[in-house]
Amino acid sequence: LTAPGAGPAELGRALFPQHPRTFVVCED
């Protein structure tokens, strides 16, 4: 459950280049 400043982009920066990982981003 995200928030402004703690969303998909911030998660991606923290986890890259870990793999295998897939994001399913569900907006609105």
mmCIF file of all heavy atoms, coordinates in Angstrom:
data_MODEL
# 
_entry.id   MODEL 
# 
loop_
_atom_site.group_PDB 
_atom_site.id 
_atom_site.type_symbol 
_atom_site.label_atom_id 
_atom_site.label_alt_id 
_atom_site.label_comp_id 
_atom_site.label_asym_id 
_atom_site.label_entity_id 
_atom_site.label_seq_id 
_atom_site.pdbx_PDB_ins_code 
_atom_site.Cartn_x 
_atom_site.Cartn_y 
_atom_site.Cartn_z 
_atom_site.occupancy 
_atom_site.B_iso_or_equiv 
_atom_site.pdbx_formal_charge 
_atom_site.auth_seq_id 
_atom_site.auth_comp_id 
_atom_site.auth_asym_id 
_atom_site.auth_atom_id 
_atom_site.pdbx_PDB_model_num 
ATOM 1   N N   . LEU A 1 1  ? 0.867  -1.170  0.000   1.00 0.00 ? 1  LEU A N   1 
ATOM 2   C CA  . LEU A 1 1  ? 0.000  0.000   0.000   1.00 0.00 ? 1  LEU A CA  1 
ATOM 3   C C   . LEU A 1 1  ? 0.907  1.223   0.000   1.00 0.00 ? 1  LEU A C   1 
ATOM 4   O O   . LEU A 1 1  ? 1.695  1.419   0.923   1.00 0.00 ? 1  LEU A O   1 
ATOM 5   C CB  . LEU A 1 1  ? -0.901 -0.009  1.237   1.00 0.00 ? 1  LEU A CB  1 
ATOM 6   C CG  . LEU A 1 1  ? -1.770 -1.259  1.412   1.00 0.00 ? 1  LEU A CG  1 
ATOM 7   C CD1 . LEU A 1 1  ? -2.538 -1.203  2.727   1.00 0.00 ? 1  LEU A CD1 1 
ATOM 8   C CD2 . LEU A 1 1  ? -2.738 -1.403  0.253   1.00 0.00 ? 1  LEU A CD2 1 
ATOM 9   N N   . THR A 1 2  ? 0.822  2.029   -1.033  1.00 0.00 ? 2  THR A N   1 
ATOM 10  C CA  . THR A 1 2  ? 1.806  3.076   -1.264  1.00 0.00 ? 2  THR A CA  1 
ATOM 11  C C   . THR A 1 2  ? 1.305  4.437   -0.782  1.00 0.00 ? 2  THR A C   1 
ATOM 12  O O   . THR A 1 2  ? 0.191  4.590   -0.294  1.00 0.00 ? 2  THR A O   1 
ATOM 13  C CB  . THR A 1 2  ? 2.150  3.161   -2.751  1.00 0.00 ? 2  THR A CB  1 
ATOM 14  O OG1 . THR A 1 2  ? 0.978  3.581   -3.469  1.00 0.00 ? 2  THR A OG1 1 
ATOM 15  C CG2 . THR A 1 2  ? 2.622  1.812   -3.281  1.00 0.00 ? 2  THR A CG2 1 
ATOM 16  N N   . ALA A 1 3  ? 2.162  5.433   -0.972  1.00 0.00 ? 3  ALA A N   1 
ATOM 17  C CA  . ALA A 1 3  ? 1.850  6.820   -0.637  1.00 0.00 ? 3  ALA A CA  1 
ATOM 18  C C   . ALA A 1 3  ? 2.737  7.697   -1.498  1.00 0.00 ? 3  ALA A C   1 
ATOM 19  O O   . ALA A 1 3  ? 3.753  7.231   -2.043  1.00 0.00 ? 3  ALA A O   1 
ATOM 20  C CB  . ALA A 1 3  ? 2.105  7.084   0.848   1.00 0.00 ? 3  ALA A CB  1 
ATOM 21  N N   . PRO A 1 4  ? 2.395  8.974   -1.665  1.00 0.00 ? 4  PRO A N   1 
ATOM 22  C CA  . PRO A 1 4  ? 3.292  9.874   -2.389  1.00 0.00 ? 4  PRO A CA  1 
ATOM 23  C C   . PRO A 1 4  ? 4.686  9.852   -1.770  1.00 0.00 ? 4  PRO A C   1 
ATOM 24  O O   . PRO A 1 4  ? 4.843  9.960   -0.553  1.00 0.00 ? 4  PRO A O   1 
ATOM 25  C CB  . PRO A 1 4  ? 2.617  11.245  -2.213  1.00 0.00 ? 4  PRO A CB  1 
ATOM 26  C CG  . PRO A 1 4  ? 1.163  10.927  -2.044  1.00 0.00 ? 4  PRO A CG  1 
ATOM 27  C CD  . PRO A 1 4  ? 1.133  9.646   -1.262  1.00 0.00 ? 4  PRO A CD  1 
ATOM 28  N N   . GLY A 1 5  ? 5.692  9.658   -2.603  1.00 0.00 ? 5  GLY A N   1 
ATOM 29  C CA  . GLY A 1 5  ? 7.068  9.538   -2.116  1.00 0.00 ? 5  GLY A CA  1 
ATOM 30  C C   . GLY A 1 5  ? 7.443  8.141   -1.695  1.00 0.00 ? 5  GLY A C   1 
ATOM 31  O O   . GLY A 1 5  ? 8.602  7.885   -1.344  1.00 0.00 ? 5  GLY A O   1 
ATOM 32  N N   . ALA A 1 6  ? 6.492  7.242   -1.699  1.00 0.00 ? 6  ALA A N   1 
ATOM 33  C CA  . ALA A 1 6  ? 6.753  5.838   -1.360  1.00 0.00 ? 6  ALA A CA  1 
ATOM 34  C C   . ALA A 1 6  ? 5.896  4.973   -2.272  1.00 0.00 ? 6  ALA A C   1 
ATOM 35  O O   . ALA A 1 6  ? 5.060  4.195   -1.814  1.00 0.00 ? 6  ALA A O   1 
ATOM 36  C CB  . ALA A 1 6  ? 6.445  5.558   0.108   1.00 0.00 ? 6  ALA A CB  1 
ATOM 37  N N   . GLY A 1 7  ? 6.097  5.158   -3.577  1.00 0.00 ? 7  GLY A N   1 
ATOM 38  C CA  . GLY A 1 7  ? 5.267  4.481   -4.557  1.00 0.00 ? 7  GLY A CA  1 
ATOM 39  C C   . GLY A 1 7  ? 6.042  3.558   -5.460  1.00 0.00 ? 7  GLY A C   1 
ATOM 40  O O   . GLY A 1 7  ? 7.153  3.107   -5.122  1.00 0.00 ? 7  GLY A O   1 
ATOM 41  N N   . PRO A 1 8  ? 5.523  3.243   -6.635  1.00 0.00 ? 8  PRO A N   1 
ATOM 42  C CA  . PRO A 1 8  ? 6.170  2.287   -7.535  1.00 0.00 ? 8  PRO A CA  1 
ATOM 43  C C   . PRO A 1 8  ? 7.590  2.683   -7.923  1.00 0.00 ? 8  PRO A C   1 
ATOM 44  O O   . PRO A 1 8  ? 8.472  1.817   -7.987  1.00 0.00 ? 8  PRO A O   1 
ATOM 45  C CB  . PRO A 1 8  ? 5.243  2.273   -8.754  1.00 0.00 ? 8  PRO A CB  1 
ATOM 46  C CG  . PRO A 1 8  ? 3.925  2.729   -8.240  1.00 0.00 ? 8  PRO A CG  1 
ATOM 47  C CD  . PRO A 1 8  ? 4.218  3.704   -7.161  1.00 0.00 ? 8  PRO A CD  1 
ATOM 48  N N   . ALA A 1 9  ? 7.819  3.975   -8.191  1.00 0.00 ? 9  ALA A N   1 
ATOM 49  C CA  . ALA A 1 9  ? 9.162  4.399   -8.605  1.00 0.00 ? 9  ALA A CA  1 
ATOM 50  C C   . ALA A 1 9  ? 10.175 4.194   -7.487  1.00 0.00 ? 9  ALA A C   1 
ATOM 51  O O   . ALA A 1 9  ? 11.289 3.692   -7.719  1.00 0.00 ? 9  ALA A O   1 
ATOM 52  C CB  . ALA A 1 9  ? 9.134  5.867   -9.031  1.00 0.00 ? 9  ALA A CB  1 
ATOM 53  N N   . GLU A 1 10 ? 9.799  4.556   -6.256  1.00 0.00 ? 10 GLU A N   1 
ATOM 54  C CA  . GLU A 1 10 ? 10.709 4.388   -5.130  1.00 0.00 ? 10 GLU A CA  1 
ATOM 55  C C   . GLU A 1 10 ? 10.965 2.912   -4.835  1.00 0.00 ? 10 GLU A C   1 
ATOM 56  O O   . GLU A 1 10 ? 12.096 2.511   -4.522  1.00 0.00 ? 10 GLU A O   1 
ATOM 57  C CB  . GLU A 1 10 ? 10.146 5.097   -3.893  1.00 0.00 ? 10 GLU A CB  1 
ATOM 58  C CG  . GLU A 1 10 ? 10.161 6.615   -3.959  1.00 0.00 ? 10 GLU A CG  1 
ATOM 59  C CD  . GLU A 1 10 ? 9.034  7.201   -4.801  1.00 0.00 ? 10 GLU A CD  1 
ATOM 60  O OE1 . GLU A 1 10 ? 8.083  6.440   -5.162  1.00 0.00 ? 10 GLU A OE1 1 
ATOM 61  O OE2 . GLU A 1 10 ? 9.089  8.409   -5.111  1.00 0.00 ? 10 GLU A OE2 1 
ATOM 62  N N   . LEU A 1 11 ? 9.920  2.092   -4.931  1.00 0.00 ? 11 LEU A N   1 
ATOM 63  C CA  . LEU A 1 11 ? 10.104 0.647   -4.764  1.00 0.00 ? 11 LEU A CA  1 
ATOM 64  C C   . LEU A 1 11 ? 11.030 0.099   -5.843  1.00 0.00 ? 11 LEU A C   1 
ATOM 65  O O   . LEU A 1 11 ? 11.915 -0.725  -5.562  1.00 0.00 ? 11 LEU A O   1 
ATOM 66  C CB  . LEU A 1 11 ? 8.754  -0.066  -4.854  1.00 0.00 ? 11 LEU A CB  1 
ATOM 67  C CG  . LEU A 1 11 ? 7.903  -0.162  -3.594  1.00 0.00 ? 11 LEU A CG  1 
ATOM 68  C CD1 . LEU A 1 11 ? 6.530  -0.719  -3.947  1.00 0.00 ? 11 LEU A CD1 1 
ATOM 69  C CD2 . LEU A 1 11 ? 8.574  -1.017  -2.541  1.00 0.00 ? 11 LEU A CD2 1 
ATOM 70  N N   . GLY A 1 12 ? 10.822 0.537   -7.077  1.00 0.00 ? 12 GLY A N   1 
ATOM 71  C CA  . GLY A 1 12 ? 11.657 0.060   -8.172  1.00 0.00 ? 12 GLY A CA  1 
ATOM 72  C C   . GLY A 1 12 ? 13.114 0.407   -7.977  1.00 0.00 ? 12 GLY A C   1 
ATOM 73  O O   . GLY A 1 12 ? 13.998 -0.422  -8.216  1.00 0.00 ? 12 GLY A O   1 
ATOM 74  N N   . ARG A 1 13 ? 13.385 1.650   -7.528  1.00 0.00 ? 13 ARG A N   1 
ATOM 75  C CA  . ARG A 1 13 ? 14.783 2.045   -7.300  1.00 0.00 ? 13 ARG A CA  1 
ATOM 76  C C   . ARG A 1 13 ? 15.423 1.206   -6.211  1.00 0.00 ? 13 ARG A C   1 
ATOM 77  O O   . ARG A 1 13 ? 16.604 0.859   -6.286  1.00 0.00 ? 13 ARG A O   1 
ATOM 78  C CB  . ARG A 1 13 ? 14.856 3.528   -6.948  1.00 0.00 ? 13 ARG A CB  1 
ATOM 79  C CG  . ARG A 1 13 ? 14.834 4.437   -8.170  1.00 0.00 ? 13 ARG A CG  1 
ATOM 80  C CD  . ARG A 1 13 ? 15.199 5.850   -7.801  1.00 0.00 ? 13 ARG A CD  1 
ATOM 81  N NE  . ARG A 1 13 ? 14.112 6.522   -7.092  1.00 0.00 ? 13 ARG A NE  1 
ATOM 82  C CZ  . ARG A 1 13 ? 13.135 7.175   -7.695  1.00 0.00 ? 13 ARG A CZ  1 
ATOM 83  N NH1 . ARG A 1 13 ? 13.074 7.224   -9.012  1.00 0.00 ? 13 ARG A NH1 1 
ATOM 84  N NH2 . ARG A 1 13 ? 12.201 7.776   -6.984  1.00 0.00 ? 13 ARG A NH2 1 
ATOM 85  N N   . ALA A 1 14 ? 14.653 0.891   -5.177  1.00 0.00 ? 14 ALA A N   1 
ATOM 86  C CA  . ALA A 1 14 ? 15.214 0.127   -4.060  1.00 0.00 ? 14 ALA A CA  1 
ATOM 87  C C   . ALA A 1 14 ? 15.459 -1.332  -4.423  1.00 0.00 ? 14 ALA A C   1 
ATOM 88  O O   . ALA A 1 14 ? 16.413 -1.944  -3.939  1.00 0.00 ? 14 ALA A O   1 
ATOM 89  C CB  . ALA A 1 14 ? 14.281 0.213   -2.851  1.00 0.00 ? 14 ALA A CB  1 
ATOM 90  N N   . LEU A 1 15 ? 14.609 -1.898  -5.280  1.00 0.00 ? 15 LEU A N   1 
ATOM 91  C CA  . LEU A 1 15 ? 14.708 -3.323  -5.587  1.00 0.00 ? 15 LEU A CA  1 
ATOM 92  C C   . LEU A 1 15 ? 15.580 -3.632  -6.798  1.00 0.00 ? 15 LEU A C   1 
ATOM 93  O O   . LEU A 1 15 ? 16.139 -4.725  -6.900  1.00 0.00 ? 15 LEU A O   1 
ATOM 94  C CB  . LEU A 1 15 ? 13.314 -3.910  -5.815  1.00 0.00 ? 15 LEU A CB  1 
ATOM 95  C CG  . LEU A 1 15 ? 12.430 -3.992  -4.579  1.00 0.00 ? 15 LEU A CG  1 
ATOM 96  C CD1 . LEU A 1 15 ? 11.014 -4.390  -4.962  1.00 0.00 ? 15 LEU A CD1 1 
ATOM 97  C CD2 . LEU A 1 15 ? 12.999 -4.975  -3.572  1.00 0.00 ? 15 LEU A CD2 1 
ATOM 98  N N   . PHE A 1 16 ? 15.692 -2.705  -7.742  1.00 0.00 ? 16 PHE A N   1 
ATOM 99  C CA  . PHE A 1 16 ? 16.500 -2.954  -8.943  1.00 0.00 ? 16 PHE A CA  1 
ATOM 100 C C   . PHE A 1 16 ? 17.955 -3.131  -8.541  1.00 0.00 ? 16 PHE A C   1 
ATOM 101 O O   . PHE A 1 16 ? 18.468 -2.387  -7.717  1.00 0.00 ? 16 PHE A O   1 
ATOM 102 C CB  . PHE A 1 16 ? 16.359 -1.768  -9.904  1.00 0.00 ? 16 PHE A CB  1 
ATOM 103 C CG  . PHE A 1 16 ? 17.176 -1.904  -11.164 1.00 0.00 ? 16 PHE A CG  1 
ATOM 104 C CD1 . PHE A 1 16 ? 16.771 -2.759  -12.165 1.00 0.00 ? 16 PHE A CD1 1 
ATOM 105 C CD2 . PHE A 1 16 ? 18.354 -1.189  -11.315 1.00 0.00 ? 16 PHE A CD2 1 
ATOM 106 C CE1 . PHE A 1 16 ? 17.512 -2.894  -13.313 1.00 0.00 ? 16 PHE A CE1 1 
ATOM 107 C CE2 . PHE A 1 16 ? 19.104 -1.318  -12.456 1.00 0.00 ? 16 PHE A CE2 1 
ATOM 108 C CZ  . PHE A 1 16 ? 18.692 -2.166  -13.463 1.00 0.00 ? 16 PHE A CZ  1 
ATOM 109 N N   . PRO A 1 17 ? 18.730 -4.120  -9.071  1.00 0.00 ? 17 PRO A N   1 
ATOM 110 C CA  . PRO A 1 17 ? 18.352 -5.048  -10.125 1.00 0.00 ? 17 PRO A CA  1 
ATOM 111 C C   . PRO A 1 17 ? 17.960 -6.418  -9.608  1.00 0.00 ? 17 PRO A C   1 
ATOM 112 O O   . PRO A 1 17 ? 18.319 -7.418  -10.209 1.00 0.00 ? 17 PRO A O   1 
ATOM 113 C CB  . PRO A 1 17 ? 19.646 -5.127  -10.919 1.00 0.00 ? 17 PRO A CB  1 
ATOM 114 C CG  . PRO A 1 17 ? 20.700 -5.098  -9.847  1.00 0.00 ? 17 PRO A CG  1 
ATOM 115 C CD  . PRO A 1 17 ? 20.169 -4.205  -8.758  1.00 0.00 ? 17 PRO A CD  1 
ATOM 116 N N   . GLN A 1 18 ? 17.292 -6.482  -8.472  1.00 0.00 ? 18 GLN A N   1 
ATOM 117 C CA  . GLN A 1 18 ? 16.857 -7.788  -7.984  1.00 0.00 ? 18 GLN A CA  1 
ATOM 118 C C   . GLN A 1 18 ? 15.937 -8.447  -9.006  1.00 0.00 ? 18 GLN A C   1 
ATOM 119 O O   . GLN A 1 18 ? 15.127 -7.777  -9.636  1.00 0.00 ? 18 GLN A O   1 
ATOM 120 C CB  . GLN A 1 18 ? 16.122 -7.648  -6.655  1.00 0.00 ? 18 GLN A CB  1 
ATOM 121 C CG  . GLN A 1 18 ? 17.058 -7.319  -5.492  1.00 0.00 ? 18 GLN A CG  1 
ATOM 122 C CD  . GLN A 1 18 ? 16.304 -7.282  -4.185  1.00 0.00 ? 18 GLN A CD  1 
ATOM 123 O OE1 . GLN A 1 18 ? 15.399 -6.500  -4.030  1.00 0.00 ? 18 GLN A OE1 1 
ATOM 124 N NE2 . GLN A 1 18 ? 16.682 -8.138  -3.266  1.00 0.00 ? 18 GLN A NE2 1 
ATOM 125 N N   . HIS A 1 19 ? 16.063 -9.739  -9.132  1.00 0.00 ? 19 HIS A N   1 
ATOM 126 C CA  . HIS A 1 19 ? 15.222 -10.454 -10.075 1.00 0.00 ? 19 HIS A CA  1 
ATOM 127 C C   . HIS A 1 19 ? 15.159 -11.922 -9.655  1.00 0.00 ? 19 HIS A C   1 
ATOM 128 O O   . HIS A 1 19 ? 16.033 -12.391 -8.934  1.00 0.00 ? 19 HIS A O   1 
ATOM 129 C CB  . HIS A 1 19 ? 15.783 -10.338 -11.505 1.00 0.00 ? 19 HIS A CB  1 
ATOM 130 C CG  . HIS A 1 19 ? 17.157 -10.933 -11.663 1.00 0.00 ? 19 HIS A CG  1 
ATOM 131 N ND1 . HIS A 1 19 ? 18.303 -10.276 -11.303 1.00 0.00 ? 19 HIS A ND1 1 
ATOM 132 C CD2 . HIS A 1 19 ? 17.550 -12.144 -12.105 1.00 0.00 ? 19 HIS A CD2 1 
ATOM 133 C CE1 . HIS A 1 19 ? 19.355 -11.044 -11.535 1.00 0.00 ? 19 HIS A CE1 1 
ATOM 134 N NE2 . HIS A 1 19 ? 18.920 -12.188 -12.012 1.00 0.00 ? 19 HIS A NE2 1 
ATOM 135 N N   . PRO A 1 20 ? 14.154 -12.663 -10.055 1.00 0.00 ? 20 PRO A N   1 
ATOM 136 C CA  . PRO A 1 20 ? 13.039 -12.186 -10.875 1.00 0.00 ? 20 PRO A CA  1 
ATOM 137 C C   . PRO A 1 20 ? 11.985 -11.499 -10.005 1.00 0.00 ? 20 PRO A C   1 
ATOM 138 O O   . PRO A 1 20 ? 11.590 -12.030 -8.970  1.00 0.00 ? 20 PRO A O   1 
ATOM 139 C CB  . PRO A 1 20 ? 12.488 -13.467 -11.501 1.00 0.00 ? 20 PRO A CB  1 
ATOM 140 C CG  . PRO A 1 20 ? 12.804 -14.530 -10.485 1.00 0.00 ? 20 PRO A CG  1 
ATOM 141 C CD  . PRO A 1 20 ? 14.083 -14.119 -9.814  1.00 0.00 ? 20 PRO A CD  1 
ATOM 142 N N   . ARG A 1 21 ? 11.588 -10.317 -10.407 1.00 0.00 ? 21 ARG A N   1 
ATOM 143 C CA  . ARG A 1 21 ? 10.509 -9.583  -9.754  1.00 0.00 ? 21 ARG A CA  1 
ATOM 144 C C   . ARG A 1 21 ? 9.650  -8.928  -10.829 1.00 0.00 ? 21 ARG A C   1 
ATOM 145 O O   . ARG A 1 21 ? 10.173 -8.389  -11.807 1.00 0.00 ? 21 ARG A O   1 
ATOM 146 C CB  . ARG A 1 21 ? 11.051 -8.494  -8.808  1.00 0.00 ? 21 ARG A CB  1 
ATOM 147 C CG  . ARG A 1 21 ? 11.553 -9.022  -7.463  1.00 0.00 ? 21 ARG A CG  1 
ATOM 148 C CD  . ARG A 1 21 ? 10.385 -9.571  -6.646  1.00 0.00 ? 21 ARG A CD  1 
ATOM 149 N NE  . ARG A 1 21 ? 10.795 -9.964  -5.303  1.00 0.00 ? 21 ARG A NE  1 
ATOM 150 C CZ  . ARG A 1 21 ? 11.187 -11.180 -4.961  1.00 0.00 ? 21 ARG A CZ  1 
ATOM 151 N NH1 . ARG A 1 21 ? 11.264 -12.121 -5.898  1.00 0.00 ? 21 ARG A NH1 1 
ATOM 152 N NH2 . ARG A 1 21 ? 11.502 -11.466 -3.726  1.00 0.00 ? 21 ARG A NH2 1 
ATOM 153 N N   . THR A 1 22 ? 8.371  -8.999  -10.640 1.00 0.00 ? 22 THR A N   1 
ATOM 154 C CA  . THR A 1 22 ? 7.420  -8.328  -11.517 1.00 0.00 ? 22 THR A CA  1 
ATOM 155 C C   . THR A 1 22 ? 6.554  -7.412  -10.668 1.00 0.00 ? 22 THR A C   1 
ATOM 156 O O   . THR A 1 22 ? 6.111  -7.806  -9.583  1.00 0.00 ? 22 THR A O   1 
ATOM 157 C CB  . THR A 1 22 ? 6.532  -9.344  -12.253 1.00 0.00 ? 22 THR A CB  1 
ATOM 158 O OG1 . THR A 1 22 ? 7.343  -10.186 -13.074 1.00 0.00 ? 22 THR A OG1 1 
ATOM 159 C CG2 . THR A 1 22 ? 5.490  -8.644  -13.114 1.00 0.00 ? 22 THR A CG2 1 
ATOM 160 N N   . PHE A 1 23 ? 6.331  -6.188  -11.158 1.00 0.00 ? 23 PHE A N   1 
ATOM 161 C CA  . PHE A 1 23 ? 5.402  -5.273  -10.511 1.00 0.00 ? 23 PHE A CA  1 
ATOM 162 C C   . PHE A 1 23 ? 4.059  -5.345  -11.224 1.00 0.00 ? 23 PHE A C   1 
ATOM 163 O O   . PHE A 1 23 ? 3.999  -5.361  -12.455 1.00 0.00 ? 23 PHE A O   1 
ATOM 164 C CB  . PHE A 1 23 ? 5.898  -3.830  -10.589 1.00 0.00 ? 23 PHE A CB  1 
ATOM 165 C CG  . PHE A 1 23 ? 6.969  -3.461  -9.593  1.00 0.00 ? 23 PHE A CG  1 
ATOM 166 C CD1 . PHE A 1 23 ? 7.587  -4.415  -8.811  1.00 0.00 ? 23 PHE A CD1 1 
ATOM 167 C CD2 . PHE A 1 23 ? 7.356  -2.136  -9.449  1.00 0.00 ? 23 PHE A CD2 1 
ATOM 168 C CE1 . PHE A 1 23 ? 8.575  -4.066  -7.909  1.00 0.00 ? 23 PHE A CE1 1 
ATOM 169 C CE2 . PHE A 1 23 ? 8.339  -1.769  -8.553  1.00 0.00 ? 23 PHE A CE2 1 
ATOM 170 C CZ  . PHE A 1 23 ? 8.956  -2.737  -7.774  1.00 0.00 ? 23 PHE A CZ  1 
ATOM 171 N N   . VAL A 1 24 ? 2.992  -5.385  -10.454 1.00 0.00 ? 24 VAL A N   1 
ATOM 172 C CA  . VAL A 1 24 ? 1.660  -5.127  -10.980 1.00 0.00 ? 24 VAL A CA  1 
ATOM 173 C C   . VAL A 1 24 ? 1.182  -3.864  -10.275 1.00 0.00 ? 24 VAL A C   1 
ATOM 174 O O   . VAL A 1 24 ? 0.861  -3.895  -9.082  1.00 0.00 ? 24 VAL A O   1 
ATOM 175 C CB  . VAL A 1 24 ? 0.685  -6.292  -10.736 1.00 0.00 ? 24 VAL A CB  1 
ATOM 176 C CG1 . VAL A 1 24 ? -0.684 -5.972  -11.321 1.00 0.00 ? 24 VAL A CG1 1 
ATOM 177 C CG2 . VAL A 1 24 ? 1.231  -7.585  -11.341 1.00 0.00 ? 24 VAL A CG2 1 
ATOM 178 N N   . VAL A 1 25 ? 1.196  -2.752  -10.996 1.00 0.00 ? 25 VAL A N   1 
ATOM 179 C CA  . VAL A 1 25 ? 0.823  -1.461  -10.422 1.00 0.00 ? 25 VAL A CA  1 
ATOM 180 C C   . VAL A 1 25 ? -0.645 -1.201  -10.745 1.00 0.00 ? 25 VAL A C   1 
ATOM 181 O O   . VAL A 1 25 ? -1.035 -1.161  -11.921 1.00 0.00 ? 25 VAL A O   1 
ATOM 182 C CB  . VAL A 1 25 ? 1.698  -0.328  -10.976 1.00 0.00 ? 25 VAL A CB  1 
ATOM 183 C CG1 . VAL A 1 25 ? 1.339  1.001   -10.307 1.00 0.00 ? 25 VAL A CG1 1 
ATOM 184 C CG2 . VAL A 1 25 ? 3.179  -0.638  -10.762 1.00 0.00 ? 25 VAL A CG2 1 
ATOM 185 N N   . CYS A 1 26 ? -1.449 -1.027  -9.707  1.00 0.00 ? 26 CYS A N   1 
ATOM 186 C CA  . CYS A 1 26 ? -2.893 -0.825  -9.870  1.00 0.00 ? 26 CYS A CA  1 
ATOM 187 C C   . CYS A 1 26 ? -3.236 0.587   -9.420  1.00 0.00 ? 26 CYS A C   1 
ATOM 188 O O   . CYS A 1 26 ? -3.203 0.894   -8.224  1.00 0.00 ? 26 CYS A O   1 
ATOM 189 C CB  . CYS A 1 26 ? -3.667 -1.848  -9.046  1.00 0.00 ? 26 CYS A CB  1 
ATOM 190 S SG  . CYS A 1 26 ? -3.286 -3.570  -9.460  1.00 0.00 ? 26 CYS A SG  1 
ATOM 191 N N   . GLU A 1 27 ? -3.570 1.445   -10.386 1.00 0.00 ? 27 GLU A N   1 
ATOM 192 C CA  . GLU A 1 27 ? -3.864 2.844   -10.105 1.00 0.00 ? 27 GLU A CA  1 
ATOM 193 C C   . GLU A 1 27 ? -5.369 3.089   -10.069 1.00 0.00 ? 27 GLU A C   1 
ATOM 194 O O   . GLU A 1 27 ? -6.113 2.539   -10.883 1.00 0.00 ? 27 GLU A O   1 
ATOM 195 C CB  . GLU A 1 27 ? -3.252 3.742   -11.187 1.00 0.00 ? 27 GLU A CB  1 
ATOM 196 C CG  . GLU A 1 27 ? -1.742 3.636   -11.315 1.00 0.00 ? 27 GLU A CG  1 
ATOM 197 C CD  . GLU A 1 27 ? -1.221 4.441   -12.487 1.00 0.00 ? 27 GLU A CD  1 
ATOM 198 O OE1 . GLU A 1 27 ? -1.748 4.273   -13.608 1.00 0.00 ? 27 GLU A OE1 1 
ATOM 199 O OE2 . GLU A 1 27 ? -0.309 5.246   -12.280 1.00 0.00 ? 27 GLU A OE2 1 
ATOM 200 N N   . ASP A 1 28 ? -5.808 3.920   -9.111  1.00 0.00 ? 28 ASP A N   1 
ATOM 201 C CA  . ASP A 1 28 ? -7.199 4.379   -9.026  1.00 0.00 ? 28 ASP A CA  1 
ATOM 202 C C   . ASP A 1 28 ? -8.182 3.220   -9.188  1.00 0.00 ? 28 ASP A C   1 
ATOM 203 O O   . ASP A 1 28 ? -9.119 3.290   -9.991  1.00 0.00 ? 28 ASP A O   1 
ATOM 204 C CB  . ASP A 1 28 ? -7.461 5.450   -10.091 1.00 0.00 ? 28 ASP A CB  1 
ATOM 205 C CG  . ASP A 1 28 ? -8.803 6.170   -9.863  1.00 0.00 ? 28 ASP A CG  1 
ATOM 206 O OD1 . ASP A 1 28 ? -9.242 6.223   -8.693  1.00 0.00 ? 28 ASP A OD1 1 
ATOM 207 O OD2 . ASP A 1 28 ? -9.395 6.640   -10.843 1.00 0.00 ? 28 ASP A OD2 1 
# 
